[in-house]
C-alpha atoms as a PDB file:
ATOM      1  CA  MET A   1     130.307 110.777 108.719  1.00  0.00           C
ATOM      2  CA  ILE A   2     128.392 111.262 105.478  1.00  0.00           C
ATOM      3  CA  HIS A   3     129.416 109.095 102.534  1.00  0.00           C
ATOM      4  CA  ARG A   4     128.493 109.333  98.883  1.00  0.00           C
ATOM      5  CA  LEU A   5     127.733 105.755  97.937  1.00  0.00           C
ATOM      6  CA  SER A   6     128.874 104.139  94.712  1.00  0.00           C
ATOM      7  CA  PRO A   7     126.952 101.375  92.929  1.00  0.00           C
ATOM      8  CA  ASP A   8     129.329  98.846  94.526  1.00  0.00           C
ATOM      9  CA  ASP A   9     128.680 100.360  97.968  1.00  0.00           C
ATOM     10  CA  VAL A  10     124.941  99.849  97.455  1.00  0.00           C
ATOM     11  CA  ILE A  11     125.524  96.157  96.703  1.00  0.00           C
ATOM     12  CA  GLU A  12     127.726  95.803  99.771  1.00  0.00           C
ATOM     13  CA  LEU A  13     125.356  97.761 102.017  1.00  0.00           C
ATOM     14  CA  VAL A  14     121.998  96.472 100.765  1.00  0.00           C
ATOM     15  CA  SER A  15     121.222  94.899 104.142  1.00  0.00           C
ATOM     16  CA  PRO A  16     121.782  98.035 106.284  1.00  0.00           C
ATOM     17  CA  LEU A  17     120.087 100.171 103.608  1.00  0.00           C
ATOM     18  CA  SER A  18     117.085  97.822 103.645  1.00  0.00           C
ATOM     19  CA  HIS A  19     117.006  97.904 107.450  1.00  0.00           C
ATOM     20  CA  LEU A  20     116.995 101.713 107.346  1.00  0.00           C
ATOM     21  CA  LEU A  21     114.140 101.648 104.817  1.00  0.00           C
ATOM     22  CA  TRP A  22     112.141  99.154 106.900  1.00  0.00           C
ATOM     23  CA  ASP A  23     112.639 101.242 110.045  1.00  0.00           C
ATOM     24  CA  ALA A  24     111.597 104.473 108.322  1.00  0.00           C
ATOM     25  CA  VAL A  25     108.447 102.964 106.833  1.00  0.00           C
ATOM     26  CA  ASP A  26     107.595 101.020 109.988  1.00  0.00           C
ATOM     27  CA  SER A  27     107.846 104.217 112.047  1.00  0.00           C
ATOM     28  CA  GLY A  28     105.449 106.065 109.729  1.00  0.00           C
ATOM     29  CA  ALA A  29     107.631 107.838 107.165  1.00  0.00           C
ATOM     30  CA  SER A  30     105.828 108.672 103.947  1.00  0.00           C
ATOM     31  CA  ILE A  31     108.531 107.681 101.466  1.00  0.00           C
ATOM     32  CA  GLY A  32     106.567 105.721  98.901  1.00  0.00           C
ATOM     33  CA  PHE A  33     106.250 102.381 100.701  1.00  0.00           C
ATOM     34  CA  LEU A  34     103.632 100.920 103.020  1.00  0.00           C
ATOM     35  CA  PRO A  35     104.412  98.658 105.981  1.00  0.00           C
ATOM     36  CA  PRO A  36     105.424  95.979 106.141  1.00  0.00           C
ATOM     37  CA  VAL A  37     108.012  96.391 103.403  1.00  0.00           C
ATOM     38  CA  ASP A  38     108.667  93.047 101.753  1.00  0.00           C
ATOM     39  CA  PRO A  39     112.412  92.200 101.825  1.00  0.00           C
ATOM     40  CA  VAL A  40     112.345  91.373  98.105  1.00  0.00           C
ATOM     41  CA  GLU A  41     110.703  94.741  97.392  1.00  0.00           C
ATOM     42  CA  ALA A  42     113.360  96.529  99.459  1.00  0.00           C
ATOM     43  CA  MET A  43     116.211  94.763  97.656  1.00  0.00           C
ATOM     44  CA  ALA A  44     114.637  95.516  94.268  1.00  0.00           C
ATOM     45  CA  TYR A  45     114.280  99.165  95.263  1.00  0.00           C
ATOM     46  CA  TRP A  46     117.938  99.465  96.285  1.00  0.00           C
ATOM     47  CA  ASP A  47     118.945  97.722  93.056  1.00  0.00           C
ATOM     48  CA  SER A  48     117.026 100.398  91.096  1.00  0.00           C
ATOM     49  CA  VAL A  49     118.870 103.077  93.103  1.00  0.00           C
ATOM     50  CA  ARG A  50     122.171 101.333  92.346  1.00  0.00           C
ATOM     51  CA  MET A  51     121.379 101.385  88.623  1.00  0.00           C
ATOM     52  CA  ALA A  52     120.420 105.078  88.740  1.00  0.00           C
ATOM     53  CA  ILE A  53     123.712 105.892  90.486  1.00  0.00           C
ATOM     54  CA  HIS A  54     125.556 103.900  87.818  1.00  0.00           C
ATOM     55  CA  GLU A  55     123.714 105.842  85.084  1.00  0.00           C
ATOM     56  CA  GLY A  56     124.578 109.155  86.772  1.00  0.00           C
ATOM     57  CA  SER A  57     120.984 110.187  87.472  1.00  0.00           C
ATOM     58  CA  ARG A  58     121.039 109.649  91.233  1.00  0.00           C
ATOM     59  CA  VAL A  59     123.250 110.455  94.205  1.00  0.00           C
ATOM     60  CA  LEU A  60     122.878 108.489  97.442  1.00  0.00           C
ATOM     61  CA  LEU A  61     124.301 109.960 100.627  1.00  0.00           C
ATOM     62  CA  ALA A  62     124.440 107.914 103.823  1.00  0.00           C
ATOM     63  CA  THR A  63     125.372 108.721 107.407  1.00  0.00           C
ATOM     64  CA  VAL A  64     127.349 106.069 109.227  1.00  0.00           C
ATOM     65  CA  VAL A  65     127.995 106.413 112.961  1.00  0.00           C
ATOM     66  CA  GLU A  66     130.078 103.828 114.806  1.00  0.00           C
ATOM     67  CA  GLU A  67     129.728 101.483 111.828  1.00  0.00           C
ATOM     68  CA  GLU A  68     125.909 101.755 111.891  1.00  0.00           C
ATOM     69  CA  MET A  69     123.916 103.306 109.067  1.00  0.00           C
ATOM     70  CA  VAL A  70     121.720 105.903 110.728  1.00  0.00           C
ATOM     71  CA  GLY A  71     120.456 107.929 107.777  1.00  0.00           C
ATOM     72  CA  ALA A  72     120.318 108.455 104.034  1.00  0.00           C
ATOM     73  CA  VAL A  73     119.007 110.874 101.439  1.00  0.00           C
ATOM     74  CA  GLN A  74     118.981 110.892  97.651  1.00  0.00           C
ATOM     75  CA  LEU A  75     119.292 113.472  94.931  1.00  0.00           C
ATOM     76  CA  ASP A  76     117.363 112.496  91.826  1.00  0.00           C
ATOM     77  CA  LEU A  77     119.027 114.485  89.039  1.00  0.00           C
ATOM     78  CA  ALA A  78     116.856 115.752  86.198  1.00  0.00           C
ATOM     79  CA  MET A  79     118.546 114.526  83.027  1.00  0.00           C
ATOM     80  CA  ARG A  80     116.501 116.120  80.232  1.00  0.00           C
ATOM     81  CA  PRO A  81     118.237 119.055  78.531  1.00  0.00           C
ATOM     82  CA  ASN A  82     115.796 121.620  79.918  1.00  0.00           C
ATOM     83  CA  GLY A  83     116.187 120.367  83.498  1.00  0.00           C
ATOM     84  CA  THR A  84     119.892 119.848  84.101  1.00  0.00           C
ATOM     85  CA  HIS A  85     119.825 122.722  86.586  1.00  0.00           C
ATOM     86  CA  ARG A  86     117.483 120.948  89.012  1.00  0.00           C
ATOM     87  CA  ALA A  87     117.265 117.901  91.268  1.00  0.00           C
ATOM     88  CA  GLU A  88     114.739 116.338  93.596  1.00  0.00           C
ATOM     89  CA  ILE A  89     115.565 115.556  97.198  1.00  0.00           C
ATOM     90  CA  CYS A  90     113.975 112.211  97.964  1.00  0.00           C
ATOM     91  CA  LYS A  91     113.822 109.460 100.546  1.00  0.00           C
ATOM     92  CA  LEU A  92     115.293 111.333 103.531  1.00  0.00           C
ATOM     93  CA  MET A  93     115.484 108.633 106.212  1.00  0.00           C
ATOM     94  CA  VAL A  94     116.915 108.663 109.717  1.00  0.00           C
ATOM     95  CA  HIS A  95     116.674 105.586 111.912  1.00  0.00           C
ATOM     96  CA  ARG A  96     114.192 106.170 114.737  1.00  0.00           C
ATOM     97  CA  ASN A  97     116.949 105.587 117.337  1.00  0.00           C
ATOM     98  CA  ALA A  98     119.046 108.378 115.793  1.00  0.00           C
ATOM     99  CA  ARG A  99     116.389 111.049 115.328  1.00  0.00           C
ATOM    100  CA  ARG A 100     116.549 114.537 116.861  1.00  0.00           C
ATOM    101  CA  LYS A 101     120.370 114.491 116.751  1.00  0.00           C
ATOM    102  CA  GLY A 102     120.922 116.623 113.643  1.00  0.00           C
ATOM    103  CA  TYR A 103     121.471 113.827 111.110  1.00  0.00           C
ATOM    104  CA  ALA A 104     118.576 114.837 108.855  1.00  0.00           C
ATOM    105  CA  LYS A 105     119.791 118.439 108.723  1.00  0.00           C
ATOM    106  CA  ALA A 106     123.375 117.331 108.041  1.00  0.00           C
ATOM    107  CA  LEU A 107     122.194 115.047 105.225  1.00  0.00           C
ATOM    108  CA  MET A 108     120.125 117.858 103.725  1.00  0.00           C
ATOM    109  CA  GLN A 109     123.044 120.287 103.930  1.00  0.00           C
ATOM    110  CA  GLU A 110     125.314 117.763 102.237  1.00  0.00           C
ATOM    111  CA  ALA A 111     122.712 117.071  99.548  1.00  0.00           C
ATOM    112  CA  GLU A 112     122.541 120.808  98.857  1.00  0.00           C
ATOM    113  CA  ALA A 113     126.336 121.041  98.673  1.00  0.00           C
ATOM    114  CA  VAL A 114     126.536 118.101  96.259  1.00  0.00           C
ATOM    115  CA  ALA A 115     123.731 119.607  94.174  1.00  0.00           C
ATOM    116  CA  ARG A 116     125.699 122.873  93.919  1.00  0.00           C
ATOM    117  CA  GLU A 117     128.845 120.989  92.917  1.00  0.00           C
ATOM    118  CA  LEU A 118     126.840 119.303  90.157  1.00  0.00           C
ATOM    119  CA  GLY A 119     125.561 122.659  88.919  1.00  0.00           C
ATOM    120  CA  ARG A 120     122.043 122.138  90.255  1.00  0.00           C
ATOM    121  CA  THR A 121     120.519 125.429  91.356  1.00  0.00           C
ATOM    122  CA  LEU A 122     116.924 124.347  92.007  1.00  0.00           C
ATOM    123  CA  LEU A 123     115.922 121.661  94.474  1.00  0.00           C
ATOM    124  CA  VAL A 124     112.401 120.318  94.868  1.00  0.00           C
ATOM    125  CA  LEU A 125     110.932 117.857  97.348  1.00  0.00           C
ATOM    126  CA  ASP A 126     107.622 116.755  98.773  1.00  0.00           C
ATOM    127  CA  THR A 127     106.407 115.519 102.123  1.00  0.00           C
ATOM    128  CA  ARG A 128     103.177 114.593 103.827  1.00  0.00           C
ATOM    129  CA  LYS A 129     101.457 117.657 105.275  1.00  0.00           C
ATOM    130  CA  GLY A 130     101.977 117.888 109.030  1.00  0.00           C
ATOM    131  CA  ASP A 131     105.058 115.639 109.143  1.00  0.00           C
ATOM    132  CA  PRO A 132     107.944 116.784 111.358  1.00  0.00           C
ATOM    133  CA  SER A 133     110.068 117.080 108.208  1.00  0.00           C
ATOM    134  CA  GLU A 134     108.120 120.202 107.255  1.00  0.00           C
ATOM    135  CA  ALA A 135     109.703 122.150 110.123  1.00  0.00           C
ATOM    136  CA  LEU A 136     113.155 121.011 108.991  1.00  0.00           C
ATOM    137  CA  TYR A 137     112.604 122.029 105.377  1.00  0.00           C
ATOM    138  CA  GLN A 138     111.159 125.401 106.344  1.00  0.00           C
ATOM    139  CA  SER A 139     114.048 126.070 108.753  1.00  0.00           C
ATOM    140  CA  MET A 140     116.473 125.385 105.899  1.00  0.00           C
ATOM    141  CA  GLY A 141     114.874 127.949 103.595  1.00  0.00           C
ATOM    142  CA  TYR A 142     112.618 125.748 101.491  1.00  0.00           C
ATOM    143  CA  SER A 143     109.476 127.489 100.228  1.00  0.00           C
ATOM    144  CA  VAL A 144     106.070 125.929  99.762  1.00  0.00           C
ATOM    145  CA  ALA A 145     105.188 125.594  96.083  1.00  0.00           C
ATOM    146  CA  GLY A 146     101.765 124.123  96.761  1.00  0.00           C
ATOM    147  CA  GLU A 147      99.731 121.253  98.125  1.00  0.00           C
ATOM    148  CA  ILE A 148      97.872 118.365  96.554  1.00  0.00           C
ATOM    149  CA  PRO A 149      95.102 116.776  98.620  1.00  0.00           C
ATOM    150  CA  GLN A 150      94.690 112.989  98.780  1.00  0.00           C
ATOM    151  CA  TYR A 151      98.127 112.474  97.223  1.00  0.00           C
ATOM    152  CA  ALA A 152      99.648 109.706  99.358  1.00  0.00           C
ATOM    153  CA  ARG A 153      98.045 106.709 101.023  1.00  0.00           C
ATOM    154  CA  SER A 154      99.031 105.632 104.549  1.00  0.00           C
ATOM    155  CA  ALA A 155      99.015 102.113 105.951  1.00  0.00           C
ATOM    156  CA  SER A 156      95.513 102.731 107.359  1.00  0.00           C
ATOM    157  CA  GLY A 157      94.237 103.586 103.876  1.00  0.00           C
ATOM    158  CA  THR A 158      93.849 107.286 104.689  1.00  0.00           C
ATOM    159  CA  LEU A 159      94.721 109.646 101.851  1.00  0.00           C
ATOM    160  CA  HIS A 160      96.988 112.518 102.923  1.00  0.00           C
ATOM    161  CA  THR A 161      97.792 115.922 101.510  1.00  0.00           C
ATOM    162  CA  THR A 162     101.330 116.309 100.181  1.00  0.00           C
ATOM    163  CA  VAL A 163     103.201 119.601 100.318  1.00  0.00           C
ATOM    164  CA  PHE A 164     105.705 120.437  97.583  1.00  0.00           C
ATOM    165  CA  TYR A 165     108.722 122.575  98.446  1.00  0.00           C
ATOM    166  CA  TYR A 166     111.521 124.213  96.457  1.00  0.00           C
ATOM    167  CA  LYS A 167     114.770 126.000  97.157  1.00  0.00           C
ATOM    168  CA  LEU A 168     116.913 128.082  94.837  1.00  0.00           C
ATOM    169  CA  LEU A 169     120.621 127.497  95.409  1.00  0.00           C
ATOM    170  CA  THR A 170     123.490 129.803  94.654  1.00  0.00           C
ATOM    171  CA  PRO A 171     126.071 128.167  92.384  1.00  0.00           C
ATOM    172  CA  ALA A 172     129.044 126.517  94.062  1.00  0.00           C
ATOM    173  CA  PRO A 173     132.380 128.292  94.086  1.00  0.00           C
ATOM    174  CA  ALA A 174     135.018 126.700  91.874  1.00  0.00           C
ATOM    175  CA  CYS A 175     136.607 123.933  93.924  1.00  0.00           C
ATOM    176  CA  ASN A 176     137.962 120.504  93.091  1.00  0.00           C
ATOM    177  CA  THR A 177     137.778 119.003  96.577  1.00  0.00           C
ATOM    178  CA  PRO A 178     134.907 116.537  97.031  1.00  0.00           C
ATOM    179  CA  ARG A 179     132.763 117.178 100.124  1.00  0.00           C
ATOM    180  CA  THR A 180     131.785 113.601 100.815  1.00  0.00           C
ATOM    181  CA  SER A 181     133.869 110.503 101.096  1.00  0.00           C
ATOM    182  CA  SER A 182     133.288 107.139  99.530  1.00  0.00           C
ATOM    183  CA  LEU A 183     133.402 104.175 101.811  1.00  0.00           C
ATOM    184  CA  PRO A 184     136.837 102.584 102.119  1.00  0.00           C
END
């Protein structure tokens, strides 16, 4: 099940969130960190996410299966007056033991639904060129906006090209029923 996490949920779940982050980075995900991720760095990162959720500029969605956190994705909401129609999809992570089971697609679909509910009609994201995530994004209707060479560094020191994607969303129909649940 996909849950929309509150700031309190992030505090409570900092250990499984950090484990998910460590696993993603350790298995080669290009999500802004290099292995090995220092535990203090991971906790500080999740605290910054918690604060952004509290401020209303971030949404954190997490997939929990049999009481195990198997995936997460974030919506970084543009807050400036000229950008309140857009959001950035960031930090899509699925634990390596749960990959190829549809969790990434489900998280992306839920992120799009939440974005619509929040009145966001433009989503942007970026990923390392050649990553498996590119096939997912393209299959979901994301269009390439462009590439920047030597944008992200890997653990080996190699500089990789990053591909930027966007997707225009149709506005959500009027509905007052939330799509995601908070943790009990």
